[in-house]
Amino acid sequence: MFAPKSVLITGTNRSLGLALVRQLLELASPPNHIFACCRTPHNAEELKCVANENPSVIVMKLDPGWLAKEIGGGIGPTPPEESAKALLKVFATGTEAHQGDFYTHQGEQLPF
């Protein structure tokens, strides 16, 4: 049975991402935390409604940093693995109090 404790979904302001959030909430044992990430959470009206009705949905905007990745010629200073490891620390401390916040991969809260 699929019963994760926490889930991160990107692109949750519409379409597939928003549908995944809703489907997870309908599970017999929904996750304790659903980190619903999108570029413009302040414009994600449907997602905000879902989050208001379900305290386990935490809407966030994340900045993974300038990544050293193949598509960008590998010139970014942050390896993807390093960014992912740091973002996991951000999620580990995420609660309903972080609703709508914007964080860097280093856990720094940015103005939004």
PDB file of N, CA and C in Angstrom:
ATOM      1  N   MET A   1       0.833  -1.184   0.000  1.00  0.00           N
ATOM      2  CA  MET A   1       0.000   0.000   0.000  1.00  0.00           C
ATOM      3  C   MET A   1       0.880   1.251   0.000  1.00  0.00           C
ATOM      4  N   PHE A   2       0.515   2.212  -0.798  1.00  0.00           N
ATOM      5  CA  PHE A   2       1.242   3.474  -0.915  1.00  0.00           C
ATOM      6  C   PHE A   2       0.816   4.398   0.221  1.00  0.00           C
ATOM      7  N   ALA A   3       1.721   4.646   1.186  1.00  0.00           N
ATOM      8  CA  ALA A   3       1.388   5.498   2.326  1.00  0.00           C
ATOM      9  C   ALA A   3       2.616   6.285   2.781  1.00  0.00           C
ATOM     10  N   PRO A   4       3.069   7.242   1.954  1.00  0.00           N
ATOM     11  CA  PRO A   4       4.251   8.021   2.334  1.00  0.00           C
ATOM     12  C   PRO A   4       3.944   8.972   3.494  1.00  0.00           C
ATOM     13  N   LYS A   5       4.971   9.299   4.272  1.00  0.00           N
ATOM     14  CA  LYS A   5       4.798  10.232   5.384  1.00  0.00           C
ATOM     15  C   LYS A   5       4.845  11.671   4.904  1.00  0.00           C
ATOM     16  N   SER A   6       5.731  11.953   3.945  1.00  0.00           N
ATOM     17  CA  SER A   6       5.867  13.297   3.379  1.00  0.00           C
ATOM     18  C   SER A   6       6.110  13.184   1.885  1.00  0.00           C
ATOM     19  N   VAL A   7       5.572  14.151   1.138  1.00  0.00           N
ATOM     20  CA  VAL A   7       5.712  14.149  -0.314  1.00  0.00           C
ATOM     21  C   VAL A   7       6.010  15.570  -0.773  1.00  0.00           C
ATOM     22  N   LEU A   8       6.875  15.692  -1.766  1.00  0.00           N
ATOM     23  CA  LEU A   8       7.159  16.973  -2.409  1.00  0.00           C
ATOM     24  C   LEU A   8       6.670  16.894  -3.843  1.00  0.00           C
ATOM     25  N   ILE A   9       5.868  17.873  -4.239  1.00  0.00           N
ATOM     26  CA  ILE A   9       5.371  17.935  -5.614  1.00  0.00           C
ATOM     27  C   ILE A   9       5.654  19.324  -6.148  1.00  0.00           C
ATOM     28  N   THR A  10       6.194  19.395  -7.359  1.00  0.00           N
ATOM     29  CA  THR A  10       6.437  20.689  -7.996  1.00  0.00           C
ATOM     30  C   THR A  10       5.336  20.948  -9.028  1.00  0.00           C
ATOM     31  N   GLY A  11       5.175  22.214  -9.379  1.00  0.00           N
ATOM     32  CA  GLY A  11       4.170  22.583 -10.375  1.00  0.00           C
ATOM     33  C   GLY A  11       2.758  22.379  -9.882  1.00  0.00           C
ATOM     34  N   THR A  12       2.514  22.663  -8.602  1.00  0.00           N
ATOM     35  CA  THR A  12       1.226  22.345  -7.996  1.00  0.00           C
ATOM     36  C   THR A  12       0.157  23.420  -8.171  1.00  0.00           C
ATOM     37  N   ASN A  13       0.480  24.499  -8.863  1.00  0.00           N
ATOM     38  CA  ASN A  13      -0.519  25.564  -9.026  1.00  0.00           C
ATOM     39  C   ASN A  13      -1.622  25.177 -10.007  1.00  0.00           C
ATOM     40  N   ARG A  14      -1.404  24.114 -10.811  1.00  0.00           N
ATOM     41  CA  ARG A  14      -2.439  23.722 -11.775  1.00  0.00           C
ATOM     42  C   ARG A  14      -2.159  22.323 -12.308  1.00  0.00           C
ATOM     43  N   SER A  15      -3.024  21.839 -13.115  1.00  0.00           N
ATOM     44  CA  SER A  15      -2.887  20.620 -13.900  1.00  0.00           C
ATOM     45  C   SER A  15      -2.433  19.411 -13.074  1.00  0.00           C
ATOM     46  N   LEU A  16      -1.424  18.719 -13.559  1.00  0.00           N
ATOM     47  CA  LEU A  16      -0.999  17.461 -12.957  1.00  0.00           C
ATOM     48  C   LEU A  16      -0.532  17.641 -11.514  1.00  0.00           C
ATOM     49  N   GLY A  17       0.238  18.667 -11.241  1.00  0.00           N
ATOM     50  CA  GLY A  17       0.715  18.886  -9.874  1.00  0.00           C
ATOM     51  C   GLY A  17      -0.418  19.068  -8.888  1.00  0.00           C
ATOM     52  N   LEU A  18      -1.408  19.881  -9.250  1.00  0.00           N
ATOM     53  CA  LEU A  18      -2.567  20.107  -8.382  1.00  0.00           C
ATOM     54  C   LEU A  18      -3.383  18.824  -8.236  1.00  0.00           C
ATOM     55  N   ALA A  19      -3.533  18.075  -9.324  1.00  0.00           N
ATOM     56  CA  ALA A  19      -4.265  16.806  -9.277  1.00  0.00           C
ATOM     57  C   ALA A  19      -3.561  15.798  -8.356  1.00  0.00           C
ATOM     58  N   LEU A  20      -2.232  15.781  -8.376  1.00  0.00           N
ATOM     59  CA  LEU A  20      -1.488  14.882  -7.488  1.00  0.00           C
ATOM     60  C   LEU A  20      -1.727  15.230  -6.022  1.00  0.00           C
ATOM     61  N   VAL A  21      -1.744  16.523  -5.709  1.00  0.00           N
ATOM     62  CA  VAL A  21      -2.026  16.946  -4.336  1.00  0.00           C
ATOM     63  C   VAL A  21      -3.394  16.418  -3.912  1.00  0.00           C
ATOM     64  N   ARG A  22      -4.383  16.622  -4.750  1.00  0.00           N
ATOM     65  CA  ARG A  22      -5.747  16.182  -4.421  1.00  0.00           C
ATOM     66  C   ARG A  22      -5.838  14.661  -4.267  1.00  0.00           C
ATOM     67  N   GLN A  23      -5.166  13.935  -5.155  1.00  0.00           N
ATOM     68  CA  GLN A  23      -5.200  12.468  -5.088  1.00  0.00           C
ATOM     69  C   GLN A  23      -4.530  11.964  -3.812  1.00  0.00           C
ATOM     70  N   LEU A  24      -3.433  12.582  -3.426  1.00  0.00           N
ATOM     71  CA  LEU A  24      -2.762  12.165  -2.195  1.00  0.00           C
ATOM     72  C   LEU A  24      -3.650  12.391  -0.978  1.00  0.00           C
ATOM     73  N   LEU A  25      -4.409  13.468  -0.990  1.00  0.00           N
ATOM     74  CA  LEU A  25      -5.306  13.758   0.131  1.00  0.00           C
ATOM     75  C   LEU A  25      -6.444  12.753   0.234  1.00  0.00           C
ATOM     76  N   GLU A  26      -6.755  12.071  -0.872  1.00  0.00           N
ATOM     77  CA  GLU A  26      -7.837  11.092  -0.882  1.00  0.00           C
ATOM     78  C   GLU A  26      -7.394   9.687  -0.484  1.00  0.00           C
ATOM     79  N   LEU A  27      -6.093   9.495  -0.279  1.00  0.00           N
ATOM     80  CA  LEU A  27      -5.602   8.175   0.131  1.00  0.00           C
ATOM     81  C   LEU A  27      -6.182   7.793   1.497  1.00  0.00           C
ATOM     82  N   ALA A  28      -6.293   6.494   1.732  1.00  0.00           N
ATOM     83  CA  ALA A  28      -6.772   6.021   3.029  1.00  0.00           C
ATOM     84  C   ALA A  28      -5.881   6.540   4.156  1.00  0.00           C
ATOM     85  N   SER A  29      -4.584   6.606   3.888  1.00  0.00           N
ATOM     86  CA  SER A  29      -3.612   7.170   4.841  1.00  0.00           C
ATOM     87  C   SER A  29      -2.841   8.272   4.125  1.00  0.00           C
ATOM     88  N   PRO A  30      -3.391   9.486   4.065  1.00  0.00           N
ATOM     89  CA  PRO A  30      -2.696  10.561   3.353  1.00  0.00           C
ATOM     90  C   PRO A  30      -1.393  10.945   4.060  1.00  0.00           C
ATOM     91  N   PRO A  31      -0.459  11.519   3.332  1.00  0.00           N
ATOM     92  CA  PRO A  31       0.809  11.935   3.945  1.00  0.00           C
ATOM     93  C   PRO A  31       0.586  12.958   5.062  1.00  0.00           C
ATOM     94  N   ASN A  32       1.497  12.951   6.032  1.00  0.00           N
ATOM     95  CA  ASN A  32       1.459  13.954   7.099  1.00  0.00           C
ATOM     96  C   ASN A  32       1.730  15.347   6.553  1.00  0.00           C
ATOM     97  N   HIS A  33       2.634  15.414   5.578  1.00  0.00           N
ATOM     98  CA  HIS A  33       2.991  16.686   4.959  1.00  0.00           C
ATOM     99  C   HIS A  33       3.056  16.518   3.444  1.00  0.00           C
ATOM    100  N   ILE A  34       2.400  17.423   2.745  1.00  0.00           N
ATOM    101  CA  ILE A  34       2.520  17.498   1.287  1.00  0.00           C
ATOM    102  C   ILE A  34       3.110  18.867   0.997  1.00  0.00           C
ATOM    103  N   PHE A  35       4.360  18.885   0.563  1.00  0.00           N
ATOM    104  CA  PHE A  35       5.014  20.134   0.210  1.00  0.00           C
ATOM    105  C   PHE A  35       4.641  20.441  -1.236  1.00  0.00           C
ATOM    106  N   ALA A  36       3.755  21.400  -1.393  1.00  0.00           N
ATOM    107  CA  ALA A  36       3.225  21.773  -2.708  1.00  0.00           C
ATOM    108  C   ALA A  36       3.991  22.996  -3.193  1.00  0.00           C
ATOM    109  N   CYS A  37       4.919  22.779  -4.112  1.00  0.00           N
ATOM    110  CA  CYS A  37       5.795  23.861  -4.573  1.00  0.00           C
ATOM    111  C   CYS A  37       5.364  24.354  -5.949  1.00  0.00           C
ATOM    112  N   CYS A  38       5.440  25.672  -6.121  1.00  0.00           N
ATOM    113  CA  CYS A  38       5.146  26.269  -7.419  1.00  0.00           C
ATOM    114  C   CYS A  38       5.836  27.629  -7.509  1.00  0.00           C
ATOM    115  N   ARG A  39       5.945  28.153  -8.716  1.00  0.00           N
ATOM    116  CA  ARG A  39       6.658  29.421  -8.944  1.00  0.00           C
ATOM    117  C   ARG A  39       5.919  30.625  -8.384  1.00  0.00           C
ATOM    118  N   THR A  40       4.593  30.592  -8.457  1.00  0.00           N
ATOM    119  CA  THR A  40       3.809  31.754  -8.024  1.00  0.00           C
ATOM    120  C   THR A  40       2.693  31.332  -7.078  1.00  0.00           C
ATOM    121  N   PRO A  41       3.039  30.955  -5.843  1.00  0.00           N
ATOM    122  CA  PRO A  41       2.004  30.497  -4.925  1.00  0.00           C
ATOM    123  C   PRO A  41       0.952  31.561  -4.615  1.00  0.00           C
ATOM    124  N   HIS A  42       1.323  32.822  -4.699  1.00  0.00           N
ATOM    125  CA  HIS A  42       0.344  33.885  -4.421  1.00  0.00           C
ATOM    126  C   HIS A  42      -0.758  33.935  -5.471  1.00  0.00           C
ATOM    127  N   ASN A  43      -0.520  33.368  -6.665  1.00  0.00           N
ATOM    128  CA  ASN A  43      -1.531  33.334  -7.727  1.00  0.00           C
ATOM    129  C   ASN A  43      -2.242  31.982  -7.821  1.00  0.00           C
ATOM    130  N   ALA A  44      -1.858  31.032  -7.006  1.00  0.00           N
ATOM    131  CA  ALA A  44      -2.394  29.673  -7.099  1.00  0.00           C
ATOM    132  C   ALA A  44      -3.660  29.553  -6.247  1.00  0.00           C
ATOM    133  N   GLU A  45      -4.739  30.132  -6.726  1.00  0.00           N
ATOM    134  CA  GLU A  45      -5.979  30.213  -5.950  1.00  0.00           C
ATOM    135  C   GLU A  45      -6.545  28.842  -5.588  1.00  0.00           C
ATOM    136  N   GLU A  46      -6.614  27.919  -6.549  1.00  0.00           N
ATOM    137  CA  GLU A  46      -7.157  26.588  -6.261  1.00  0.00           C
ATOM    138  C   GLU A  46      -6.304  25.861  -5.234  1.00  0.00           C
ATOM    139  N   LEU A  47      -4.998  25.965  -5.394  1.00  0.00           N
ATOM    140  CA  LEU A  47      -4.077  25.324  -4.449  1.00  0.00           C
ATOM    141  C   LEU A  47      -4.228  25.924  -3.056  1.00  0.00           C
ATOM    142  N   LYS A  48      -4.368  27.236  -2.975  1.00  0.00           N
ATOM    143  CA  LYS A  48      -4.545  27.881  -1.678  1.00  0.00           C
ATOM    144  C   LYS A  48      -5.836  27.409  -1.003  1.00  0.00           C
ATOM    145  N   CYS A  49      -6.883  27.201  -1.776  1.00  0.00           N
ATOM    146  CA  CYS A  49      -8.146  26.680  -1.218  1.00  0.00           C
ATOM    147  C   CYS A  49      -7.938  25.274  -0.653  1.00  0.00           C
ATOM    148  N   VAL A  50      -7.236  24.434  -1.410  1.00  0.00           N
ATOM    149  CA  VAL A  50      -6.951  23.072  -0.953  1.00  0.00           C
ATOM    150  C   VAL A  50      -6.128  23.126   0.341  1.00  0.00           C
ATOM    151  N   ALA A  51      -5.130  23.999   0.388  1.00  0.00           N
ATOM    152  CA  ALA A  51      -4.273  24.114   1.572  1.00  0.00           C
ATOM    153  C   ALA A  51      -5.053  24.640   2.773  1.00  0.00           C
ATOM    154  N   ASN A  52      -5.963  25.560   2.534  1.00  0.00           N
ATOM    155  CA  ASN A  52      -6.773  26.100   3.633  1.00  0.00           C
ATOM    156  C   ASN A  52      -7.663  25.034   4.250  1.00  0.00           C
ATOM    157  N   GLU A  53      -8.095  24.076   3.445  1.00  0.00           N
ATOM    158  CA  GLU A  53      -8.964  23.000   3.926  1.00  0.00           C
ATOM    159  C   GLU A  53      -8.184  21.816   4.495  1.00  0.00           C
ATOM    160  N   ASN A  54      -6.874  21.760   4.204  1.00  0.00           N
ATOM    161  CA  ASN A  54      -6.053  20.616   4.601  1.00  0.00           C
ATOM    162  C   ASN A  54      -4.723  21.104   5.160  1.00  0.00           C
ATOM    163  N   PRO A  55      -4.577  21.142   6.469  1.00  0.00           N
ATOM    164  CA  PRO A  55      -3.342  21.664   7.063  1.00  0.00           C
ATOM    165  C   PRO A  55      -2.093  20.855   6.726  1.00  0.00           C
ATOM    166  N   SER A  56      -2.252  19.659   6.176  1.00  0.00           N
ATOM    167  CA  SER A  56      -1.072  18.880   5.785  1.00  0.00           C
ATOM    168  C   SER A  56      -0.447  19.395   4.490  1.00  0.00           C
ATOM    169  N   VAL A  57      -1.159  20.253   3.750  1.00  0.00           N
ATOM    170  CA  VAL A  57      -0.634  20.811   2.502  1.00  0.00           C
ATOM    171  C   VAL A  57       0.104  22.104   2.819  1.00  0.00           C
ATOM    172  N   ILE A  58       1.405  22.124   2.543  1.00  0.00           N
ATOM    173  CA  ILE A  58       2.244  23.282   2.808  1.00  0.00           C
ATOM    174  C   ILE A  58       2.707  23.841   1.471  1.00  0.00           C
ATOM    175  N   VAL A  59       2.196  25.017   1.130  1.00  0.00           N
ATOM    176  CA  VAL A  59       2.526  25.655  -0.148  1.00  0.00           C
ATOM    177  C   VAL A  59       3.807  26.459   0.032  1.00  0.00           C
ATOM    178  N   MET A  60       4.803  26.174  -0.817  1.00  0.00           N
ATOM    179  CA  MET A  60       6.094  26.842  -0.713  1.00  0.00           C
ATOM    180  C   MET A  60       6.639  27.168  -2.090  1.00  0.00           C
ATOM    181  N   LYS A  61       7.505  28.148  -2.112  1.00  0.00           N
ATOM    182  CA  LYS A  61       8.308  28.437  -3.299  1.00  0.00           C
ATOM    183  C   LYS A  61       9.754  28.187  -2.902  1.00  0.00           C
ATOM    184  N   LEU A  62      10.490  27.480  -3.748  1.00  0.00           N
ATOM    185  CA  LEU A  62      11.867  27.123  -3.432  1.00  0.00           C
ATOM    186  C   LEU A  62      12.828  27.581  -4.514  1.00  0.00           C
ATOM    187  N   ASP A  63      13.997  28.012  -4.091  1.00  0.00           N
ATOM    188  CA  ASP A  63      15.074  28.372  -5.009  1.00  0.00           C
ATOM    189  C   ASP A  63      16.176  27.342  -4.827  1.00  0.00           C
ATOM    190  N   PRO A  64      16.385  26.455  -5.808  1.00  0.00           N
ATOM    191  CA  PRO A  64      17.404  25.424  -5.655  1.00  0.00           C
ATOM    192  C   PRO A  64      18.832  25.943  -5.789  1.00  0.00           C
ATOM    193  N   GLY A  65      18.988  27.217  -6.123  1.00  0.00           N
ATOM    194  CA  GLY A  65      20.322  27.774  -6.350  1.00  0.00           C
ATOM    195  C   GLY A  65      20.714  27.627  -7.803  1.00  0.00           C
ATOM    196  N   TRP A  66      21.862  28.200  -8.137  1.00  0.00           N
ATOM    197  CA  TRP A  66      22.387  28.104  -9.498  1.00  0.00           C
ATOM    198  C   TRP A  66      23.105  26.770  -9.611  1.00  0.00           C
ATOM    199  N   LEU A  67      22.470  25.854 -10.304  1.00  0.00           N
ATOM    200  CA  LEU A  67      22.969  24.487 -10.350  1.00  0.00           C
ATOM    201  C   LEU A  67      23.956  24.248 -11.481  1.00  0.00           C
ATOM    202  N   ALA A  68      24.935  23.421 -11.179  1.00  0.00           N
ATOM    203  CA  ALA A  68      25.878  22.951 -12.192  1.00  0.00           C
ATOM    204  C   ALA A  68      25.198  21.780 -12.886  1.00  0.00           C
ATOM    205  N   LYS A  69      24.556  22.065 -14.006  1.00  0.00           N
ATOM    206  CA  LYS A  69      23.846  21.003 -14.705  1.00  0.00           C
ATOM    207  C   LYS A  69      24.188  21.036 -16.184  1.00  0.00           C
ATOM    208  N   GLU A  70      24.004  19.915 -16.806  1.00  0.00           N
ATOM    209  CA  GLU A  70      24.386  19.727 -18.197  1.00  0.00           C
ATOM    210  C   GLU A  70      23.761  20.776 -19.119  1.00  0.00           C
ATOM    211  N   ILE A  71      22.475  21.077 -18.910  1.00  0.00           N
ATOM    212  CA  ILE A  71      21.782  21.998 -19.807  1.00  0.00           C
ATOM    213  C   ILE A  71      22.377  23.415 -19.761  1.00  0.00           C
ATOM    214  N   GLY A  72      22.966  23.797 -18.635  1.00  0.00           N
ATOM    215  CA  GLY A  72      23.564  25.123 -18.495  1.00  0.00           C
ATOM    216  C   GLY A  72      25.062  25.121 -18.712  1.00  0.00           C
ATOM    217  N   GLY A  73      25.583  24.076 -19.291  1.00  0.00           N
ATOM    218  CA  GLY A  73      27.010  23.994 -19.539  1.00  0.00           C
ATOM    219  C   GLY A  73      27.811  23.588 -18.308  1.00  0.00           C
ATOM    220  N   GLY A  74      27.125  23.227 -17.235  1.00  0.00           N
ATOM    221  CA  GLY A  74      27.810  22.771 -16.033  1.00  0.00           C
ATOM    222  C   GLY A  74      28.552  23.853 -15.287  1.00  0.00           C
ATOM    223  N   ILE A  75      28.183  25.127 -15.530  1.00  0.00           N
ATOM    224  CA  ILE A  75      28.974  26.215 -14.943  1.00  0.00           C
ATOM    225  C   ILE A  75      28.445  26.734 -13.611  1.00  0.00           C
ATOM    226  N   GLY A  76      27.271  26.299 -13.185  1.00  0.00           N
ATOM    227  CA  GLY A  76      26.742  26.750 -11.897  1.00  0.00           C
ATOM    228  C   GLY A  76      27.621  26.257 -10.757  1.00  0.00           C
ATOM    229  N   PRO A  77      27.692  27.003  -9.651  1.00  0.00           N
ATOM    230  CA  PRO A  77      28.572  26.623  -8.550  1.00  0.00           C
ATOM    231  C   PRO A  77      28.032  25.515  -7.637  1.00  0.00           C
ATOM    232  N   THR A  78      26.736  25.189  -7.745  1.00  0.00           N
ATOM    233  CA  THR A  78      26.144  24.233  -6.819  1.00  0.00           C
ATOM    234  C   THR A  78      25.814  22.916  -7.523  1.00  0.00           C
ATOM    235  N   PRO A  79      26.429  21.818  -7.095  1.00  0.00           N
ATOM    236  CA  PRO A  79      26.064  20.523  -7.672  1.00  0.00           C
ATOM    237  C   PRO A  79      24.618  20.185  -7.287  1.00  0.00           C
ATOM    238  N   PRO A  80      23.836  19.587  -8.201  1.00  0.00           N
ATOM    239  CA  PRO A  80      22.453  19.238  -7.888  1.00  0.00           C
ATOM    240  C   PRO A  80      22.311  18.396  -6.612  1.00  0.00           C
ATOM    241  N   GLU A  81      23.248  17.497  -6.383  1.00  0.00           N
ATOM    242  CA  GLU A  81      23.193  16.645  -5.188  1.00  0.00           C
ATOM    243  C   GLU A  81      23.287  17.478  -3.918  1.00  0.00           C
ATOM    244  N   GLU A  82      24.133  18.515  -3.944  1.00  0.00           N
ATOM    245  CA  GLU A  82      24.293  19.395  -2.780  1.00  0.00           C
ATOM    246  C   GLU A  82      23.009  20.188  -2.528  1.00  0.00           C
ATOM    247  N   SER A  83      22.409  20.694  -3.592  1.00  0.00           N
ATOM    248  CA  SER A  83      21.156  21.438  -3.462  1.00  0.00           C
ATOM    249  C   SER A  83      20.050  20.528  -2.929  1.00  0.00           C
ATOM    250  N   ALA A  84      19.959  19.315  -3.463  1.00  0.00           N
ATOM    251  CA  ALA A  84      18.930  18.375  -3.018  1.00  0.00           C
ATOM    252  C   ALA A  84      19.095  18.044  -1.536  1.00  0.00           C
ATOM    253  N   LYS A  85      20.311  17.818  -1.108  1.00  0.00           N
ATOM    254  CA  LYS A  85      20.580  17.503   0.294  1.00  0.00           C
ATOM    255  C   LYS A  85      20.161  18.669   1.194  1.00  0.00           C
ATOM    256  N   ALA A  86      20.471  19.887   0.772  1.00  0.00           N
ATOM    257  CA  ALA A  86      20.109  21.066   1.559  1.00  0.00           C
ATOM    258  C   ALA A  86      18.595  21.282   1.574  1.00  0.00           C
ATOM    259  N   LEU A  87      17.938  21.049   0.433  1.00  0.00           N
ATOM    260  CA  LEU A  87      16.482  21.206   0.383  1.00  0.00           C
ATOM    261  C   LEU A  87      15.780  20.211   1.296  1.00  0.00           C
ATOM    262  N   LEU A  88      16.335  19.018   1.426  1.00  0.00           N
ATOM    263  CA  LEU A  88      15.746  18.039   2.339  1.00  0.00           C
ATOM    264  C   LEU A  88      15.727  18.562   3.772  1.00  0.00           C
ATOM    265  N   LYS A  89      16.747  19.330   4.142  1.00  0.00           N
ATOM    266  CA  LYS A  89      16.771  19.933   5.479  1.00  0.00           C
ATOM    267  C   LYS A  89      15.663  20.976   5.620  1.00  0.00           C
ATOM    268  N   VAL A  90      15.395  21.723   4.546  1.00  0.00           N
ATOM    269  CA  VAL A  90      14.304  22.702   4.566  1.00  0.00           C
ATOM    270  C   VAL A  90      12.975  21.972   4.783  1.00  0.00           C
ATOM    271  N   PHE A  91      12.768  20.866   4.063  1.00  0.00           N
ATOM    272  CA  PHE A  91      11.522  20.109   4.205  1.00  0.00           C
ATOM    273  C   PHE A  91      11.388  19.499   5.589  1.00  0.00           C
ATOM    274  N   ALA A  92      12.506  19.069   6.152  1.00  0.00           N
ATOM    275  CA  ALA A  92      12.468  18.422   7.465  1.00  0.00           C
ATOM    276  C   ALA A  92      11.951  19.363   8.545  1.00  0.00           C
ATOM    277  N   THR A  93      12.109  20.666   8.340  1.00  0.00           N
ATOM    278  CA  THR A  93      11.643  21.635   9.337  1.00  0.00           C
ATOM    279  C   THR A  93      10.344  22.315   8.903  1.00  0.00           C
ATOM    280  N   GLY A  94       9.829  21.945   7.741  1.00  0.00           N
ATOM    281  CA  GLY A  94       8.619  22.579   7.220  1.00  0.00           C
ATOM    282  C   GLY A  94       7.375  22.209   8.001  1.00  0.00           C
ATOM    283  N   THR A  95       6.580  23.215   8.342  1.00  0.00           N
ATOM    284  CA  THR A  95       5.312  22.994   9.034  1.00  0.00           C
ATOM    285  C   THR A  95       4.273  23.923   8.421  1.00  0.00           C
ATOM    286  N   GLU A  96       3.077  23.861   8.944  1.00  0.00           N
ATOM    287  CA  GLU A  96       2.012  24.731   8.466  1.00  0.00           C
ATOM    288  C   GLU A  96       2.398  26.209   8.607  1.00  0.00           C
ATOM    289  N   ALA A  97       3.292  26.508   9.539  1.00  0.00           N
ATOM    290  CA  ALA A  97       3.733  27.888   9.756  1.00  0.00           C
ATOM    291  C   ALA A  97       4.524  28.431   8.558  1.00  0.00           C
ATOM    292  N   HIS A  98       5.000  27.551   7.697  1.00  0.00           N
ATOM    293  CA  HIS A  98       5.790  27.962   6.535  1.00  0.00           C
ATOM    294  C   HIS A  98       4.927  28.180   5.292  1.00  0.00           C
ATOM    295  N   GLN A  99       3.624  28.139   5.465  1.00  0.00           N
ATOM    296  CA  GLN A  99       2.675  28.272   4.359  1.00  0.00           C
ATOM    297  C   GLN A  99       2.955  29.529   3.530  1.00  0.00           C
ATOM    298  N   GLY A 100       3.191  29.362   2.234  1.00  0.00           N
ATOM    299  CA  GLY A 100       3.382  30.479   1.317  1.00  0.00           C
ATOM    300  C   GLY A 100       4.754  31.110   1.357  1.00  0.00           C
ATOM    301  N   ASP A 101       5.677  30.559   2.124  1.00  0.00           N
ATOM    302  CA  ASP A 101       7.007  31.153   2.242  1.00  0.00           C
ATOM    303  C   ASP A 101       7.904  30.774   1.059  1.00  0.00           C
ATOM    304  N   PHE A 102       8.975  31.552   0.902  1.00  0.00           N
ATOM    305  CA  PHE A 102       9.945  31.370  -0.176  1.00  0.00           C
ATOM    306  C   PHE A 102      11.294  31.100   0.476  1.00  0.00           C
ATOM    307  N   TYR A 103      11.906  29.951   0.151  1.00  0.00           N
ATOM    308  CA  TYR A 103      13.160  29.557   0.767  1.00  0.00           C
ATOM    309  C   TYR A 103      14.223  29.233  -0.274  1.00  0.00           C
ATOM    310  N   THR A 104      15.470  29.519   0.086  1.00  0.00           N
ATOM    311  CA  THR A 104      16.597  29.090  -0.730  1.00  0.00           C
ATOM    312  C   THR A 104      16.936  27.652  -0.344  1.00  0.00           C
ATOM    313  N   HIS A 105      17.789  27.043  -1.142  1.00  0.00           N
ATOM    314  CA  HIS A 105      18.231  25.681  -0.829  1.00  0.00           C
ATOM    315  C   HIS A 105      19.074  25.653   0.455  1.00  0.00           C
ATOM    316  N   GLN A 106      19.495  26.825   0.918  1.00  0.00           N
ATOM    317  CA  GLN A 106      20.275  26.895   2.153  1.00  0.00           C
ATOM    318  C   GLN A 106      19.386  27.144   3.375  1.00  0.00           C
ATOM    319  N   GLY A 107      18.078  27.158   3.159  1.00  0.00           N
ATOM    320  CA  GLY A 107      17.143  27.342   4.258  1.00  0.00           C
ATOM    321  C   GLY A 107      16.864  28.787   4.619  1.00  0.00           C
ATOM    322  N   GLU A 108      17.415  29.716   3.851  1.00  0.00           N
ATOM    323  CA  GLU A 108      17.202  31.136   4.110  1.00  0.00           C
ATOM    324  C   GLU A 108      15.835  31.554   3.560  1.00  0.00           C
ATOM    325  N   GLN A 109      15.041  32.224   4.386  1.00  0.00           N
ATOM    326  CA  GLN A 109      13.747  32.715   3.925  1.00  0.00           C
ATOM    327  C   GLN A 109      13.955  34.008   3.155  1.00  0.00           C
ATOM    328  N   LEU A 110      13.341  34.081   1.994  1.00  0.00           N
ATOM    329  CA  LEU A 110      13.444  35.265   1.143  1.00  0.00           C
ATOM    330  C   LEU A 110      12.124  36.030   1.168  1.00  0.00           C
ATOM    331  N   PRO A 111      12.193  37.353   0.942  1.00  0.00           N
ATOM    332  CA  PRO A 111      10.938  38.106   0.851  1.00  0.00           C
ATOM    333  C   PRO A 111      10.168  37.664  -0.382  1.00  0.00           C
ATOM    334  N   PHE A 112       8.859  37.665  -0.255  1.00  0.00           N
ATOM    335  CA  PHE A 112       8.046  37.191  -1.370  1.00  0.00           C
ATOM    336  C   PHE A 112       6.896  38.125  -1.608  1.00  0.00           C
TER     337      PHE A 112
END
